[in-house]
PDB file of N, CA and C in Angstrom:
ATOM      1  N   MET A   1      99.967 111.436  98.307  1.00  0.00           N
ATOM      2  CA  MET A   1     100.359 110.620  97.832  1.00  0.00           C
ATOM      3  C   MET A   1     100.382 109.142  98.521  1.00  0.00           C
ATOM      4  N   PRO A   2      99.895 109.321 100.035  1.00  0.00           N
ATOM      5  CA  PRO A   2     100.395 108.024 100.830  1.00  0.00           C
ATOM      6  C   PRO A   2      99.990 106.423 100.499  1.00  0.00           C
ATOM      7  N   VAL A   3     101.149 105.527 100.544  1.00  0.00           N
ATOM      8  CA  VAL A   3     100.461 104.263 100.031  1.00  0.00           C
ATOM      9  C   VAL A   3     100.475 103.683 101.342  1.00  0.00           C
ATOM     10  N   LEU A   4      99.563 102.848 101.854  1.00  0.00           N
ATOM     11  CA  LEU A   4      99.440 101.693 102.773  1.00  0.00           C
ATOM     12  C   LEU A   4      99.464 100.476 102.349  1.00  0.00           C
ATOM     13  N   ASP A   5     100.368  99.945 103.277  1.00  0.00           N
ATOM     14  CA  ASP A   5     100.112  98.450 102.417  1.00  0.00           C
ATOM     15  C   ASP A   5      99.267  98.040 103.606  1.00  0.00           C
ATOM     16  N   VAL A   6      98.575  97.240 104.040  1.00  0.00           N
ATOM     17  CA  VAL A   6      97.996  96.450 105.640  1.00  0.00           C
ATOM     18  C   VAL A   6      97.430  95.295 105.260  1.00  0.00           C
ATOM     19  N   THR A   7      98.274  94.875 106.667  1.00  0.00           N
ATOM     20  CA  THR A   7      97.888  92.763 106.587  1.00  0.00           C
ATOM     21  C   THR A   7      97.855  92.302 108.040  1.00  0.00           C
ATOM     22  N   VAL A   8      96.684  92.404 107.704  1.00  0.00           N
ATOM     23  CA  VAL A   8      95.476  91.788 109.160  1.00  0.00           C
ATOM     24  C   VAL A   8      95.551  90.560 109.218  1.00  0.00           C
ATOM     25  N   VAL A   9      96.019  90.528 110.703  1.00  0.00           N
ATOM     26  CA  VAL A   9      96.639  88.643 110.237  1.00  0.00           C
ATOM     27  C   VAL A   9      94.884  87.882 111.745  1.00  0.00           C
ATOM     28  N   GLY A  10      94.791  87.040 110.910  1.00  0.00           N
ATOM     29  CA  GLY A  10      93.229  86.165 111.856  1.00  0.00           C
ATOM     30  C   GLY A  10      91.612  86.510 110.284  1.00  0.00           C
ATOM     31  N   ASP A  11      91.235  86.502 111.332  1.00  0.00           N
ATOM     32  CA  ASP A  11      89.873  86.807 110.569  1.00  0.00           C
ATOM     33  C   ASP A  11      89.920  88.405 110.633  1.00  0.00           C
ATOM     34  N   SER A  12      89.165  88.714 109.569  1.00  0.00           N
ATOM     35  CA  SER A  12      88.475  90.434 109.148  1.00  0.00           C
ATOM     36  C   SER A  12      87.269  90.511 110.168  1.00  0.00           C
ATOM     37  N   PRO A  13      87.295  91.401 110.095  1.00  0.00           N
ATOM     38  CA  PRO A  13      85.414  91.683 110.738  1.00  0.00           C
ATOM     39  C   PRO A  13      84.849  91.837 110.095  1.00  0.00           C
ATOM     40  N   ALA A  14      84.215  91.321 110.132  1.00  0.00           N
ATOM     41  CA  ALA A  14      82.299  90.912 110.302  1.00  0.00           C
ATOM     42  C   ALA A  14      82.103  91.895 107.994  1.00  0.00           C
ATOM     43  N   GLN A  15      82.423  92.182 107.617  1.00  0.00           N
ATOM     44  CA  GLN A  15      82.804  92.682 106.685  1.00  0.00           C
ATOM     45  C   GLN A  15      83.058  92.780 105.139  1.00  0.00           C
ATOM     46  N   ASP A  16      82.491  92.809 104.410  1.00  0.00           N
ATOM     47  CA  ASP A  16      83.420  91.844 103.095  1.00  0.00           C
ATOM     48  C   ASP A  16      84.715  93.070 103.218  1.00  0.00           C
ATOM     49  N   ARG A  17      85.743  91.735 101.628  1.00  0.00           N
ATOM     50  CA  ARG A  17      87.258  92.347 101.730  1.00  0.00           C
ATOM     51  C   ARG A  17      86.632  94.006 101.286  1.00  0.00           C
ATOM     52  N   LYS A  18      86.067  94.287 100.196  1.00  0.00           N
ATOM     53  CA  LYS A  18      85.830  95.645  99.647  1.00  0.00           C
ATOM     54  C   LYS A  18      85.715  96.910 100.367  1.00  0.00           C
ATOM     55  N   ARG A  19      84.569  96.179 101.492  1.00  0.00           N
ATOM     56  CA  ARG A  19      84.095  97.696 101.794  1.00  0.00           C
ATOM     57  C   ARG A  19      85.330  97.940 103.059  1.00  0.00           C
ATOM     58  N   LEU A  20      86.194  96.400 103.753  1.00  0.00           N
ATOM     59  CA  LEU A  20      87.281  96.927 104.673  1.00  0.00           C
ATOM     60  C   LEU A  20      88.364  97.780 103.429  1.00  0.00           C
ATOM     61  N   VAL A  21      88.503  97.605 102.767  1.00  0.00           N
ATOM     62  CA  VAL A  21      89.865  98.525 101.722  1.00  0.00           C
ATOM     63  C   VAL A  21      89.492  99.390 101.586  1.00  0.00           C
ATOM     64  N   SER A  22      88.021 100.099 101.530  1.00  0.00           N
ATOM     65  CA  SER A  22      87.327 101.383 100.970  1.00  0.00           C
ATOM     66  C   SER A  22      87.251 101.471 102.668  1.00  0.00           C
ATOM     67  N   ARG A  23      86.718 101.408 103.400  1.00  0.00           N
ATOM     68  CA  ARG A  23      86.982 101.963 105.288  1.00  0.00           C
ATOM     69  C   ARG A  23      88.459 102.531 105.386  1.00  0.00           C
ATOM     70  N   LEU A  24      89.129 101.403 104.898  1.00  0.00           N
ATOM     71  CA  LEU A  24      90.690 101.679 105.931  1.00  0.00           C
ATOM     72  C   LEU A  24      91.256 102.606 104.162  1.00  0.00           C
ATOM     73  N   ALA A  25      91.203 103.007 103.489  1.00  0.00           N
ATOM     74  CA  ALA A  25      91.070 104.053 102.552  1.00  0.00           C
ATOM     75  C   ALA A  25      90.663 105.034 103.158  1.00  0.00           C
ATOM     76  N   GLU A  26      89.427 105.182 103.462  1.00  0.00           N
ATOM     77  CA  GLU A  26      88.827 106.440 103.963  1.00  0.00           C
ATOM     78  C   GLU A  26      89.328 107.047 105.399  1.00  0.00           C
ATOM     79  N   ALA A  27      89.515 106.489 106.284  1.00  0.00           N
ATOM     80  CA  ALA A  27      90.269 106.875 107.303  1.00  0.00           C
ATOM     81  C   ALA A  27      91.498 107.168 107.326  1.00  0.00           C
ATOM     82  N   ALA A  28      92.161 106.457 105.926  1.00  0.00           N
ATOM     83  CA  ALA A  28      93.860 107.055 106.309  1.00  0.00           C
ATOM     84  C   ALA A  28      93.633 108.056 105.626  1.00  0.00           C
ATOM     85  N   GLY A  29      93.139 108.373 104.628  1.00  0.00           N
ATOM     86  CA  GLY A  29      92.745 110.071 103.747  1.00  0.00           C
ATOM     87  C   GLY A  29      92.404 110.795 104.285  1.00  0.00           C
ATOM     88  N   ALA A  30      91.761 111.055 105.814  1.00  0.00           N
ATOM     89  CA  ALA A  30      91.002 111.899 106.128  1.00  0.00           C
ATOM     90  C   ALA A  30      92.868 112.075 107.471  1.00  0.00           C
ATOM     91  N   VAL A  31      93.017 110.432 107.956  1.00  0.00           N
ATOM     92  CA  VAL A  31      94.350 111.618 108.655  1.00  0.00           C
ATOM     93  C   VAL A  31      95.446 111.874 107.973  1.00  0.00           C
ATOM     94  N   PHE A  32      95.707 111.692 106.989  1.00  0.00           N
ATOM     95  CA  PHE A  32      96.702 112.543 106.285  1.00  0.00           C
ATOM     96  C   PHE A  32      96.233 113.494 105.334  1.00  0.00           C
ATOM     97  N   ARG A  33      94.978 113.570 105.416  1.00  0.00           N
ATOM     98  CA  ARG A  33      93.665 115.145 105.241  1.00  0.00           C
ATOM     99  C   ARG A  33      94.365 115.155 103.228  1.00  0.00           C
ATOM    100  N   SER A  34      94.236 113.874 102.521  1.00  0.00           N
ATOM    101  CA  SER A  34      94.576 113.656 101.319  1.00  0.00           C
ATOM    102  C   SER A  34      93.211 113.774 100.953  1.00  0.00           C
ATOM    103  N   GLY A  35      93.410 114.543  99.868  1.00  0.00           N
ATOM    104  CA  GLY A  35      92.458 114.887  98.514  1.00  0.00           C
ATOM    105  C   GLY A  35      91.506 113.337  97.734  1.00  0.00           C
ATOM    106  N   PRO A  36      90.840 113.271  97.059  1.00  0.00           N
ATOM    107  CA  PRO A  36      90.159 111.980  96.696  1.00  0.00           C
ATOM    108  C   PRO A  36      90.621 111.336  95.938  1.00  0.00           C
ATOM    109  N   GLY A  37      91.703 110.302  95.922  1.00  0.00           N
ATOM    110  CA  GLY A  37      92.198 109.451  95.126  1.00  0.00           C
ATOM    111  C   GLY A  37      93.392 109.605  94.969  1.00  0.00           C
ATOM    112  N   ASN A  38      94.271 109.832  96.351  1.00  0.00           N
ATOM    113  CA  ASN A  38      95.666 110.341  96.158  1.00  0.00           C
ATOM    114  C   ASN A  38      95.580 110.202  98.077  1.00  0.00           C
ATOM    115  N   THR A  39      94.989 108.079  98.766  1.00  0.00           N
ATOM    116  CA  THR A  39      95.313 107.791  99.728  1.00  0.00           C
ATOM    117  C   THR A  39      95.157 106.491  98.721  1.00  0.00           C
ATOM    118  N   TRP A  40      96.299 105.172  99.055  1.00  0.00           N
ATOM    119  CA  TRP A  40      96.039 104.089  98.288  1.00  0.00           C
ATOM    120  C   TRP A  40      96.218 103.312  99.434  1.00  0.00           C
ATOM    121  N   VAL A  41      95.018 101.812  99.676  1.00  0.00           N
ATOM    122  CA  VAL A  41      95.613 100.778 100.377  1.00  0.00           C
ATOM    123  C   VAL A  41      95.517  99.722  99.385  1.00  0.00           C
ATOM    124  N   VAL A  42      96.990  98.966 100.232  1.00  0.00           N
ATOM    125  CA  VAL A  42      96.065  97.902  99.661  1.00  0.00           C
ATOM    126  C   VAL A  42      96.050  96.776 100.901  1.00  0.00           C
ATOM    127  N   LEU A  43      95.053  96.097 100.702  1.00  0.00           N
ATOM    128  CA  LEU A  43      94.424  95.070 101.354  1.00  0.00           C
ATOM    129  C   LEU A  43      95.205  93.437 101.557  1.00  0.00           C
ATOM    130  N   HIS A  44      95.506  93.041 102.358  1.00  0.00           N
ATOM    131  CA  HIS A  44      96.056  91.452 102.737  1.00  0.00           C
ATOM    132  C   HIS A  44      95.958  90.915 104.157  1.00  0.00           C
ATOM    133  N   GLU A  45      94.972  89.686 103.952  1.00  0.00           N
ATOM    134  CA  GLU A  45      94.136  88.918 104.812  1.00  0.00           C
ATOM    135  C   GLU A  45      95.715  88.023 105.176  1.00  0.00           C
ATOM    136  N   HIS A  46      96.410  87.441 106.226  1.00  0.00           N
ATOM    137  CA  HIS A  46      97.057  86.923 106.896  1.00  0.00           C
ATOM    138  C   HIS A  46      96.558  85.740 107.596  1.00  0.00           C
ATOM    139  N   PRO A  47      95.938  84.285 107.077  1.00  0.00           N
ATOM    140  CA  PRO A  47      95.697  83.369 108.196  1.00  0.00           C
ATOM    141  C   PRO A  47      95.901  83.492 109.659  1.00  0.00           C
ATOM    142  N   ALA A  48      95.689  83.209 110.950  1.00  0.00           N
ATOM    143  CA  ALA A  48      95.756  83.035 111.664  1.00  0.00           C
ATOM    144  C   ALA A  48      97.240  81.907 112.168  1.00  0.00           C
ATOM    145  N   ASP A  49      96.318  81.187 111.966  1.00  0.00           N
ATOM    146  CA  ASP A  49      97.831  79.336 111.395  1.00  0.00           C
ATOM    147  C   ASP A  49      99.304  80.009 110.853  1.00  0.00           C
ATOM    148  N   GLY A  50      99.298  81.220 110.355  1.00  0.00           N
ATOM    149  CA  GLY A  50     100.495  81.432 109.590  1.00  0.00           C
ATOM    150  C   GLY A  50     101.136  82.788 110.145  1.00  0.00           C
ATOM    151  N   TYR A  51     100.769  82.478 111.483  1.00  0.00           N
ATOM    152  CA  TYR A  51     101.432  84.062 112.389  1.00  0.00           C
ATOM    153  C   TYR A  51     101.713  82.880 114.069  1.00  0.00           C
ATOM    154  N   ALA A  52     103.255  83.455 114.471  1.00  0.00           N
ATOM    155  CA  ALA A  52     103.316  83.097 115.838  1.00  0.00           C
ATOM    156  C   ALA A  52     104.399  84.443 116.471  1.00  0.00           C
ATOM    157  N   GLU A  53     104.075  84.463 117.466  1.00  0.00           N
ATOM    158  CA  GLU A  53     105.055  85.191 118.698  1.00  0.00           C
ATOM    159  C   GLU A  53     105.650  84.161 119.006  1.00  0.00           C
ATOM    160  N   ASN A  54     107.132  84.313 119.280  1.00  0.00           N
ATOM    161  CA  ASN A  54     107.907  83.583 120.546  1.00  0.00           C
ATOM    162  C   ASN A  54     107.037  83.526 122.383  1.00  0.00           C
ATOM    163  N   ALA A  55     107.150  82.745 122.033  1.00  0.00           N
ATOM    164  CA  ALA A  55     107.179  82.696 124.008  1.00  0.00           C
ATOM    165  C   ALA A  55     105.664  82.773 124.230  1.00  0.00           C
ATOM    166  N   ALA A  56     104.383  82.576 123.209  1.00  0.00           N
ATOM    167  CA  ALA A  56     103.118  82.992 123.488  1.00  0.00           C
ATOM    168  C   ALA A  56     102.149  81.979 123.343  1.00  0.00           C
ATOM    169  N   GLY A  57     101.253  82.152 124.383  1.00  0.00           N
ATOM    170  CA  GLY A  57      99.776  81.065 123.489  1.00  0.00           C
ATOM    171  C   GLY A  57      99.113  81.181 122.071  1.00  0.00           C
ATOM    172  N   PRO A  58      98.147  80.715 122.436  1.00  0.00           N
ATOM    173  CA  PRO A  58      97.236  80.867 120.899  1.00  0.00           C
ATOM    174  C   PRO A  58      96.539  82.754 120.880  1.00  0.00           C
ATOM    175  N   ARG A  59      96.521  82.877 119.891  1.00  0.00           N
ATOM    176  CA  ARG A  59      95.730  84.108 119.749  1.00  0.00           C
ATOM    177  C   ARG A  59      94.479  84.152 119.775  1.00  0.00           C
ATOM    178  N   ASP A  60      93.482  85.538 120.204  1.00  0.00           N
ATOM    179  CA  ASP A  60      92.191  85.862 119.807  1.00  0.00           C
ATOM    180  C   ASP A  60      92.356  86.538 118.318  1.00  0.00           C
ATOM    181  N   ARG A  61      90.529  87.329 118.361  1.00  0.00           N
ATOM    182  CA  ARG A  61      90.467  88.229 117.917  1.00  0.00           C
ATOM    183  C   ARG A  61      91.456  88.732 117.570  1.00  0.00           C
ATOM    184  N   ASN A  62      92.134  89.597 118.553  1.00  0.00           N
ATOM    185  CA  ASN A  62      92.847  90.254 119.083  1.00  0.00           C
ATOM    186  C   ASN A  62      94.845  90.663 118.093  1.00  0.00           C
ATOM    187  N   SER A  63      94.406  88.970 117.313  1.00  0.00           N
ATOM    188  CA  SER A  63      95.210  89.441 116.275  1.00  0.00           C
ATOM    189  C   SER A  63      96.081  90.467 115.483  1.00  0.00           C
ATOM    190  N   PRO A  64      97.511  90.650 115.290  1.00  0.00           N
ATOM    191  CA  PRO A  64      97.703  92.107 115.021  1.00  0.00           C
ATOM    192  C   PRO A  64      97.193  92.038 113.861  1.00  0.00           C
ATOM    193  N   VAL A  65      97.594  94.095 113.749  1.00  0.00           N
ATOM    194  CA  VAL A  65      97.190  94.411 112.441  1.00  0.00           C
ATOM    195  C   VAL A  65      98.565  94.872 112.126  1.00  0.00           C
ATOM    196  N   PHE A  66      99.288  94.888 110.835  1.00  0.00           N
ATOM    197  CA  PHE A  66     100.556  95.765 110.004  1.00  0.00           C
ATOM    198  C   PHE A  66     100.245  96.503 109.241  1.00  0.00           C
ATOM    199  N   VAL A  67     100.884  97.592 109.418  1.00  0.00           N
ATOM    200  CA  VAL A  67     100.541  98.522 108.420  1.00  0.00           C
ATOM    201  C   VAL A  67     101.599  99.484 108.004  1.00  0.00           C
ATOM    202  N   ARG A  68     102.065  98.801 106.922  1.00  0.00           N
ATOM    203  CA  ARG A  68     102.964  99.887 106.464  1.00  0.00           C
ATOM    204  C   ARG A  68     102.288 101.328 105.443  1.00  0.00           C
ATOM    205  N   VAL A  69     103.248 102.367 105.737  1.00  0.00           N
ATOM    206  CA  VAL A  69     103.258 103.813 105.179  1.00  0.00           C
ATOM    207  C   VAL A  69     104.475 104.187 104.500  1.00  0.00           C
ATOM    208  N   LEU A  70     104.043 104.591 102.602  1.00  0.00           N
ATOM    209  CA  LEU A  70     104.677 105.330 101.878  1.00  0.00           C
ATOM    210  C   LEU A  70     104.097 106.799 101.998  1.00  0.00           C
ATOM    211  N   LYS A  71     105.050 107.656 101.900  1.00  0.00           N
ATOM    212  CA  LYS A  71     104.762 108.599 101.950  1.00  0.00           C
ATOM    213  C   LYS A  71     105.534 110.035 101.117  1.00  0.00           C
ATOM    214  N   ARG A  72     105.249 110.487 100.294  1.00  0.00           N
ATOM    215  CA  ARG A  72     106.471 112.023 100.204  1.00  0.00           C
ATOM    216  C   ARG A  72     107.453 111.253 100.538  1.00  0.00           C
ATOM    217  N   VAL A  73     107.169 112.372 101.676  1.00  0.00           N
ATOM    218  CA  VAL A  73     108.271 113.083 103.043  1.00  0.00           C
ATOM    219  C   VAL A  73     107.354 112.832 104.095  1.00  0.00           C
ATOM    220  N   VAL A  74     108.486 111.852 105.191  1.00  0.00           N
ATOM    221  CA  VAL A  74     107.997 111.413 106.576  1.00  0.00           C
ATOM    222  C   VAL A  74     108.149 112.143 107.477  1.00  0.00           C
ATOM    223  N   PRO A  75     106.757 112.710 107.919  1.00  0.00           N
ATOM    224  CA  PRO A  75     107.063 113.403 109.091  1.00  0.00           C
ATOM    225  C   PRO A  75     108.370 113.294 110.604  1.00  0.00           C
ATOM    226  N   SER A  76     108.418 114.465 111.007  1.00  0.00           N
ATOM    227  CA  SER A  76     108.710 113.838 111.930  1.00  0.00           C
ATOM    228  C   SER A  76     109.189 114.105 113.416  1.00  0.00           C
ATOM    229  N   GLY A  77     109.492 114.184 114.538  1.00  0.00           N
ATOM    230  CA  GLY A  77     109.002 114.366 115.964  1.00  0.00           C
ATOM    231  C   GLY A  77     107.654 114.556 116.531  1.00  0.00           C
ATOM    232  N   PRO A  78     107.548 115.525 116.923  1.00  0.00           N
ATOM    233  CA  PRO A  78     105.676 115.665 117.648  1.00  0.00           C
ATOM    234  C   PRO A  78     105.100 115.717 116.479  1.00  0.00           C
ATOM    235  N   GLU A  79     104.699 115.695 115.302  1.00  0.00           N
ATOM    236  CA  GLU A  79     104.014 115.488 113.857  1.00  0.00           C
ATOM    237  C   GLU A  79     104.131 114.517 113.741  1.00  0.00           C
ATOM    238  N   LEU A  80     104.465 113.511 113.720  1.00  0.00           N
ATOM    239  CA  LEU A  80     105.121 111.947 113.993  1.00  0.00           C
ATOM    240  C   LEU A  80     104.329 111.516 114.296  1.00  0.00           C
ATOM    241  N   VAL A  81     104.257 111.662 116.103  1.00  0.00           N
ATOM    242  CA  VAL A  81     103.946 111.516 117.004  1.00  0.00           C
ATOM    243  C   VAL A  81     102.362 111.438 116.975  1.00  0.00           C
ATOM    244  N   VAL A  82     102.285 112.360 116.225  1.00  0.00           N
ATOM    245  CA  VAL A  82     100.062 112.428 116.537  1.00  0.00           C
ATOM    246  C   VAL A  82      99.800 111.976 114.884  1.00  0.00           C
ATOM    247  N   GLU A  83     100.987 111.686 113.721  1.00  0.00           N
ATOM    248  CA  GLU A  83     100.146 111.185 112.840  1.00  0.00           C
ATOM    249  C   GLU A  83      99.981 109.811 113.087  1.00  0.00           C
ATOM    250  N   VAL A  84     100.854 109.050 113.870  1.00  0.00           N
ATOM    251  CA  VAL A  84     100.952 107.919 114.246  1.00  0.00           C
ATOM    252  C   VAL A  84      99.930 107.550 114.575  1.00  0.00           C
ATOM    253  N   GLU A  85      99.611 108.149 116.030  1.00  0.00           N
ATOM    254  CA  GLU A  85      98.422 108.306 117.283  1.00  0.00           C
ATOM    255  C   GLU A  85      96.936 107.896 115.979  1.00  0.00           C
ATOM    256  N   ALA A  86      96.789 109.303 115.270  1.00  0.00           N
ATOM    257  CA  ALA A  86      95.712 109.012 114.722  1.00  0.00           C
ATOM    258  C   ALA A  86      95.638 108.055 113.677  1.00  0.00           C
ATOM    259  N   LEU A  87      96.645 107.371 113.001  1.00  0.00           N
ATOM    260  CA  LEU A  87      96.652 106.646 111.725  1.00  0.00           C
ATOM    261  C   LEU A  87      96.108 105.470 112.981  1.00  0.00           C
ATOM    262  N   THR A  88      97.332 104.839 114.043  1.00  0.00           N
ATOM    263  CA  THR A  88      96.387 104.200 114.900  1.00  0.00           C
ATOM    264  C   THR A  88      95.446 103.487 115.224  1.00  0.00           C
ATOM    265  N   HIS A  89      94.736 104.474 115.869  1.00  0.00           N
ATOM    266  CA  HIS A  89      93.501 104.441 116.449  1.00  0.00           C
ATOM    267  C   HIS A  89      92.200 104.407 115.029  1.00  0.00           C
ATOM    268  N   ALA A  90      92.570 105.027 114.136  1.00  0.00           N
ATOM    269  CA  ALA A  90      91.692 105.069 113.061  1.00  0.00           C
ATOM    270  C   ALA A  90      91.800 103.015 112.226  1.00  0.00           C
ATOM    271  N   VAL A  91      92.648 102.444 112.262  1.00  0.00           N
ATOM    272  CA  VAL A  91      92.819 101.525 111.301  1.00  0.00           C
ATOM    273  C   VAL A  91      92.175 100.685 113.033  1.00  0.00           C
ATOM    274  N   ALA A  92      92.914 100.458 113.902  1.00  0.00           N
ATOM    275  CA  ALA A  92      91.849  99.203 114.701  1.00  0.00           C
ATOM    276  C   ALA A  92      90.334  99.740 115.219  1.00  0.00           C
ATOM    277  N   GLN A  93      90.004 101.093 115.157  1.00  0.00           N
ATOM    278  CA  GLN A  93      88.708 101.370 114.344  1.00  0.00           C
ATOM    279  C   GLN A  93      87.760 100.594 113.232  1.00  0.00           C
ATOM    280  N   VAL A  94      88.149 100.515 112.302  1.00  0.00           N
ATOM    281  CA  VAL A  94      87.932 100.104 110.723  1.00  0.00           C
ATOM    282  C   VAL A  94      87.813  97.961 111.438  1.00  0.00           C
ATOM    283  N   CYS A  95      88.863  97.942 111.295  1.00  0.00           N
ATOM    284  CA  CYS A  95      89.510  96.633 111.738  1.00  0.00           C
ATOM    285  C   CYS A  95      88.845  95.632 112.845  1.00  0.00           C
ATOM    286  N   GLU A  96      88.332  96.541 113.765  1.00  0.00           N
ATOM    287  CA  GLU A  96      87.810  96.213 115.787  1.00  0.00           C
ATOM    288  C   GLU A  96      89.011  95.070 115.799  1.00  0.00           C
ATOM    289  N   ARG A  97      89.880  95.878 116.018  1.00  0.00           N
ATOM    290  CA  ARG A  97      91.309  95.463 116.432  1.00  0.00           C
ATOM    291  C   ARG A  97      90.950  96.826 118.204  1.00  0.00           C
ATOM    292  N   ASP A  98      92.336  96.156 119.401  1.00  0.00           N
ATOM    293  CA  ASP A  98      92.477  97.082 119.863  1.00  0.00           C
ATOM    294  C   ASP A  98      93.951  97.636 119.475  1.00  0.00           C
ATOM    295  N   PRO A  99      94.115  98.648 119.655  1.00  0.00           N
ATOM    296  CA  PRO A  99      94.790  99.545 119.078  1.00  0.00           C
ATOM    297  C   PRO A  99      95.953  99.063 119.975  1.00  0.00           C
ATOM    298  N   ALA A 100      96.359  98.694 120.670  1.00  0.00           N
ATOM    299  CA  ALA A 100      98.310  97.696 121.397  1.00  0.00           C
ATOM    300  C   ALA A 100      97.891  96.858 120.026  1.00  0.00           C
ATOM    301  N   GLN A 101      97.139  96.562 119.528  1.00  0.00           N
ATOM    302  CA  GLN A 101      97.904  95.406 118.035  1.00  0.00           C
ATOM    303  C   GLN A 101      97.642  96.051 117.389  1.00  0.00           C
ATOM    304  N   VAL A 102      97.638  97.432 116.564  1.00  0.00           N
ATOM    305  CA  VAL A 102      98.223  97.885 115.221  1.00  0.00           C
ATOM    306  C   VAL A 102      99.852  98.577 115.488  1.00  0.00           C
ATOM    307  N   HIS A 103     100.164  98.040 114.276  1.00  0.00           N
ATOM    308  CA  HIS A 103     101.748  98.093 114.169  1.00  0.00           C
ATOM    309  C   HIS A 103     101.695  99.028 112.858  1.00  0.00           C
ATOM    310  N   VAL A 104     102.292  99.989 113.332  1.00  0.00           N
ATOM    311  CA  VAL A 104     102.498 100.973 112.151  1.00  0.00           C
ATOM    312  C   VAL A 104     103.774 101.213 111.392  1.00  0.00           C
ATOM    313  N   ILE A 105     104.474 100.923 110.324  1.00  0.00           N
ATOM    314  CA  ILE A 105     105.595 101.105 110.009  1.00  0.00           C
ATOM    315  C   ILE A 105     105.977 102.134 109.023  1.00  0.00           C
ATOM    316  N   TYR A 106     106.929 103.023 109.198  1.00  0.00           N
ATOM    317  CA  TYR A 106     107.159 104.078 108.008  1.00  0.00           C
ATOM    318  C   TYR A 106     108.232 104.055 106.852  1.00  0.00           C
ATOM    319  N   GLU A 107     108.347 103.432 105.527  1.00  0.00           N
ATOM    320  CA  GLU A 107     109.205 103.236 104.977  1.00  0.00           C
ATOM    321  C   GLU A 107     109.566 104.373 105.031  1.00  0.00           C
ATOM    322  N   PRO A 108     111.127 104.914 103.899  1.00  0.00           N
ATOM    323  CA  PRO A 108     112.131 105.850 103.724  1.00  0.00           C
ATOM    324  C   PRO A 108     111.252 106.220 103.074  1.00  0.00           C
ATOM    325  N   ALA A 109     111.123 107.674 102.704  1.00  0.00           N
ATOM    326  CA  ALA A 109     110.166 109.110 102.010  1.00  0.00           C
ATOM    327  C   ALA A 109     110.810 108.596 100.883  1.00  0.00           C
ATOM    328  N   ALA A 110     109.223 108.241  99.572  1.00  0.00           N
ATOM    329  CA  ALA A 110     109.045 108.240  98.533  1.00  0.00           C
ATOM    330  C   ALA A 110     109.865 109.712  97.823  1.00  0.00           C
ATOM    331  N   ALA A 111     110.504 110.499  98.187  1.00  0.00           N
ATOM    332  CA  ALA A 111     110.976 111.024  96.865  1.00  0.00           C
ATOM    333  C   ALA A 111     112.390 110.814  96.502  1.00  0.00           C
ATOM    334  N   GLY A 112     112.716 110.996  95.306  1.00  0.00           N
ATOM    335  CA  GLY A 112     113.880 110.507  94.592  1.00  0.00           C
ATOM    336  C   GLY A 112     114.113 109.490  94.669  1.00  0.00           C
ATOM    337  N   ARG A 113     113.262 107.961  95.410  1.00  0.00           N
ATOM    338  CA  ARG A 113     113.648 106.103  94.704  1.00  0.00           C
ATOM    339  C   ARG A 113     111.989 106.034  94.611  1.00  0.00           C
ATOM    340  N   VAL A 114     111.390 106.478  94.416  1.00  0.00           N
ATOM    341  CA  VAL A 114     109.551 106.043  93.849  1.00  0.00           C
ATOM    342  C   VAL A 114     109.504 106.042  92.453  1.00  0.00           C
ATOM    343  N   ALA A 115     109.305 105.388  91.979  1.00  0.00           N
ATOM    344  CA  ALA A 115     107.866 105.911  90.448  1.00  0.00           C
ATOM    345  C   ALA A 115     107.001 105.624  90.311  1.00  0.00           C
ATOM    346  N   PHE A 116     105.448 106.429  90.040  1.00  0.00           N
ATOM    347  CA  PHE A 116     104.512 105.334  89.540  1.00  0.00           C
ATOM    348  C   PHE A 116     104.178 106.152  88.575  1.00  0.00           C
ATOM    349  N   GLY A 117     103.641 105.148  87.492  1.00  0.00           N
ATOM    350  CA  GLY A 117     103.689 104.909  86.237  1.00  0.00           C
ATOM    351  C   GLY A 117     105.151 105.551  85.732  1.00  0.00           C
ATOM    352  N   GLY A 118     105.674 105.624  85.219  1.00  0.00           N
ATOM    353  CA  GLY A 118     107.037 105.517  85.204  1.00  0.00           C
ATOM    354  C   GLY A 118     107.589 106.951  85.250  1.00  0.00           C
ATOM    355  N   ARG A 119     106.772 108.258  86.401  1.00  0.00           N
ATOM    356  CA  ARG A 119     106.715 109.154  86.920  1.00  0.00           C
ATOM    357  C   ARG A 119     107.865 109.516  88.767  1.00  0.00           C
ATOM    358  N   LEU A 120     109.116 109.536  88.637  1.00  0.00           N
ATOM    359  CA  LEU A 120     109.572 109.806  89.985  1.00  0.00           C
ATOM    360  C   LEU A 120     109.327 110.500  90.826  1.00  0.00           C
ATOM    361  N   VAL A 121     108.702 110.462  92.149  1.00  0.00           N
ATOM    362  CA  VAL A 121     108.358 111.235  93.241  1.00  0.00           C
ATOM    363  C   VAL A 121     109.304 112.407  93.284  1.00  0.00           C
ATOM    364  N   ASP A 122     108.876 113.743  93.233  1.00  0.00           N
ATOM    365  CA  ASP A 122     109.654 114.431  93.123  1.00  0.00           C
ATOM    366  C   ASP A 122     109.968 114.946  94.995  1.00  0.00           C
TER     367      ASP A 122
END
């Protein structure tokens, strides 16, 4: 049930939104090894003029991508390190960004605190 909330800052790659979000879902599904329909992605595009970093000059096409991940249970230790690396590289490839510009943020585990369709995730 991984849910990704992806924010791409600046211009998206030369592809339409539908194709971009679909490619992100497929890439994330492969990383999480989830079955069909079990990885959800919500895509947000944020204009470059609405993003800044302190003490930094103008951004180029390598503006950041922020990825928030919600999972039933968050892995830990080496398993989390491997998953973060794989997800970072998958998102970077799809979004045509340097992996150093992909920032992954894991939400607390969904089990016992998140509901889908009125059903609490166990």
